[in-house]
Amino acid sequence: MTAAIKAITVRKPWSTCIASTNAGAKRVENRGAGTNHRGILLIHEGKTADVDAFADRRVAELLTPHRDAPEQPGAGAVIAVAALTDVHYAAGGDCCAPWGEIWHHGPNRVGRAVHLVLADVRPLDRPVPCRGALGLWAPPEDVVARVLWQVPAAVTR
């Protein structure tokens, strides 16, 4: 079962927007590359923040200013679990609006964004510390066990 589970590291505040249970929460992660993975995806909050993103209107409308401030360090932990239901290249217009971006600005190139579409996102009451990685990665089995212990069985099917 754990071999089918992947994780993705997302910088704050984007990770917090994904883990949010508020209306309008982020249900699309923009990336530069796709994946064949579908199913359980652990949302890992990196230790560094995208400080400029706190000025984004969507972020400001969704987050609590003093609780989710950029000065607070990232968790370096799995903060939520979701179902990755679809992966597609960004299309024009309102594709995955309001969170889906058309272009992805990677460290070495700009290209058409790939949308990772998330559903059934469940924030964890107790974040599970672990080291993150680039791209989709296989979390250690003990981390998976500690995460799945906290979520309803419906997510793991």
Protein backbone atom coordinates (compact mmCIF):
# COMPACT_ATOMS: atom_id res chain seq x y z
CA MET A 1 0.00 0.00 0.00
CA THR A 2 2.73 2.53 0.89
CA ALA A 3 4.46 2.10 -2.49
CA ALA A 4 1.43 3.76 -4.11
CA ILE A 5 1.72 6.81 -1.88
CA LYS A 6 3.78 9.79 -2.98
CA ALA A 7 4.56 13.15 -1.40
CA ILE A 8 5.23 16.61 -2.75
CA THR A 9 7.06 19.46 -1.04
CA VAL A 10 5.37 22.83 -1.36
CA ARG A 11 6.68 26.09 0.04
CA LYS A 12 4.65 28.21 2.43
CA PRO A 13 2.18 29.95 1.88
CA TRP A 14 1.14 27.72 -1.02
CA SER A 15 1.22 24.62 1.21
CA THR A 16 -0.99 26.36 3.78
CA CYS A 17 -3.43 27.35 1.03
CA ILE A 18 -3.66 23.70 -0.05
CA ALA A 19 -4.18 22.46 3.51
CA SER A 20 -6.85 25.09 4.17
CA THR A 21 -10.42 23.97 4.77
CA ASN A 22 -11.77 27.44 3.92
CA ALA A 23 -13.88 28.05 0.84
CA GLY A 24 -11.64 28.86 -2.11
CA ALA A 25 -8.74 26.73 -0.86
CA LYS A 26 -6.01 25.91 -3.36
CA ARG A 27 -6.82 22.63 -5.12
CA VAL A 28 -4.31 22.94 -7.95
CA GLU A 29 -0.54 22.77 -7.60
CA ASN A 30 1.36 24.31 -10.52
CA ARG A 31 4.49 22.47 -11.61
CA GLY A 32 6.88 22.32 -14.52
CA ALA A 33 6.51 18.58 -15.10
CA GLY A 34 3.72 16.03 -14.91
CA THR A 35 3.46 12.61 -13.32
CA ASN A 36 1.67 9.33 -13.94
CA HIS A 37 0.84 9.06 -10.24
CA ARG A 38 -2.81 9.17 -9.25
CA GLY A 39 -4.04 8.54 -5.73
CA ILE A 40 -2.78 9.47 -2.30
CA LEU A 41 -0.46 12.48 -2.18
CA LEU A 42 1.06 13.76 1.04
CA ILE A 43 1.44 17.54 1.17
CA HIS A 44 4.80 18.37 2.74
CA GLU A 45 5.49 21.95 3.80
CA GLY A 46 9.07 22.92 3.06
CA LYS A 47 11.22 24.81 5.51
CA THR A 48 11.61 27.84 3.26
CA ALA A 49 8.84 30.26 2.32
CA ASP A 50 8.02 31.99 -0.94
CA VAL A 51 7.97 35.39 0.78
CA ASP A 52 6.75 37.26 -2.32
CA ALA A 53 3.67 35.00 -2.47
CA PHE A 54 2.25 36.50 0.71
CA ALA A 55 1.40 39.60 -1.36
CA ASP A 56 -0.71 37.50 -3.77
CA ARG A 57 -4.38 38.55 -3.49
CA ARG A 58 -5.60 34.92 -3.40
CA VAL A 59 -3.25 34.09 -0.53
CA ALA A 60 -4.17 37.24 1.42
CA GLU A 61 -7.89 36.43 1.11
CA LEU A 62 -7.45 32.85 2.30
CA LEU A 63 -4.95 32.99 5.14
CA THR A 64 -5.01 34.43 8.65
CA PRO A 65 -2.35 37.17 8.65
CA HIS A 66 -0.70 36.63 12.05
CA ARG A 67 -1.01 32.83 12.09
CA ASP A 68 0.36 32.33 8.58
CA ALA A 69 2.93 35.12 8.54
CA PRO A 70 6.00 34.81 6.30
CA GLU A 71 8.30 35.23 9.31
CA GLN A 72 7.14 31.91 10.74
CA PRO A 73 9.38 29.05 9.64
CA GLY A 74 7.96 26.29 7.47
CA ALA A 75 6.97 23.08 9.10
CA GLY A 76 9.45 20.74 7.42
CA ALA A 77 6.61 18.27 7.84
CA VAL A 78 3.67 16.60 6.14
CA ILE A 79 0.72 18.90 6.90
CA ALA A 80 -2.07 17.35 4.81
CA VAL A 81 -3.07 14.38 2.70
CA ALA A 82 -4.97 14.62 -0.59
CA ALA A 83 -6.04 12.62 -3.59
CA LEU A 84 -4.21 13.50 -6.82
CA THR A 85 -7.03 13.06 -9.33
CA ASP A 86 -5.79 14.64 -12.55
CA VAL A 87 -2.64 16.00 -14.16
CA HIS A 88 -2.79 18.14 -17.29
CA TYR A 89 -1.05 20.97 -19.09
CA ALA A 90 -2.53 24.38 -18.43
CA ALA A 91 -4.99 25.51 -21.06
CA GLY A 92 -5.91 29.09 -21.80
CA GLY A 93 -8.78 30.93 -20.20
CA ASP A 94 -10.05 29.80 -16.83
CA CYS A 95 -8.32 26.43 -16.67
CA CYS A 96 -8.33 25.50 -12.96
CA ALA A 97 -9.08 29.11 -11.93
CA PRO A 98 -8.32 30.84 -9.69
CA TRP A 99 -5.19 28.89 -8.65
CA GLY A 100 -4.12 27.37 -11.96
CA GLU A 101 -1.34 29.31 -13.65
CA ILE A 102 -0.67 29.26 -17.40
CA TRP A 103 3.12 29.51 -17.10
CA HIS A 104 5.53 27.83 -14.71
CA HIS A 105 8.66 29.77 -13.79
CA GLY A 106 11.25 27.18 -12.89
CA PRO A 107 14.84 27.83 -11.80
CA ASN A 108 16.24 27.40 -15.31
CA ARG A 109 13.31 27.88 -17.66
CA VAL A 110 9.80 29.16 -18.21
CA GLY A 111 7.27 26.80 -19.76
CA ARG A 112 3.65 25.80 -19.86
CA ALA A 113 2.49 24.90 -16.34
CA VAL A 114 1.30 21.44 -15.46
CA HIS A 115 -1.67 21.35 -13.09
CA LEU A 116 -1.77 18.72 -10.37
CA VAL A 117 -5.46 18.61 -9.43
CA LEU A 118 -6.17 17.75 -5.79
CA ALA A 119 -9.35 16.50 -4.13
CA ASP A 120 -10.42 15.33 -0.68
CA VAL A 121 -7.70 17.36 1.03
CA ARG A 122 -7.43 16.60 4.75
CA PRO A 123 -5.19 18.76 6.96
CA LEU A 124 -3.42 16.89 9.73
CA ASP A 125 -4.02 17.81 13.36
CA ARG A 126 -0.41 16.85 14.08
CA PRO A 127 2.08 17.58 11.27
CA VAL A 128 4.50 14.70 10.72
CA PRO A 129 8.12 15.92 10.53
CA CYS A 130 10.26 14.58 7.71
CA ARG A 131 12.73 15.68 5.10
CA GLY A 132 11.30 16.85 1.76
CA ALA A 133 12.57 16.46 -1.78
CA LEU A 134 12.12 17.88 -5.28
CA GLY A 135 9.33 16.58 -7.50
CA LEU A 136 7.10 13.74 -6.32
CA TRP A 137 8.93 11.52 -3.87
CA ALA A 138 8.37 8.36 -1.88
CA PRO A 139 7.94 9.16 1.81
CA PRO A 140 9.45 6.82 4.42
CA GLU A 141 7.08 4.09 5.62
CA ASP A 142 7.06 5.34 9.22
CA VAL A 143 5.94 8.79 8.00
CA VAL A 144 3.18 7.25 5.87
CA ALA A 145 1.98 5.21 8.87
CA ARG A 146 1.88 8.30 11.11
CA VAL A 147 -0.04 10.27 8.47
CA LEU A 148 -2.58 7.56 7.64
CA TRP A 149 -3.25 7.01 11.33
CA GLN A 150 -4.66 10.55 11.42
CA VAL A 151 -6.95 10.45 8.37
CA PRO A 152 -10.24 8.69 7.76
CA ALA A 153 -10.16 5.48 5.76
CA ALA A 154 -12.05 7.17 2.91
CA VAL A 155 -8.89 9.00 1.82
CA THR A 156 -6.82 5.83 1.66
CA ARG A 157 -9.09 3.94 -0.71
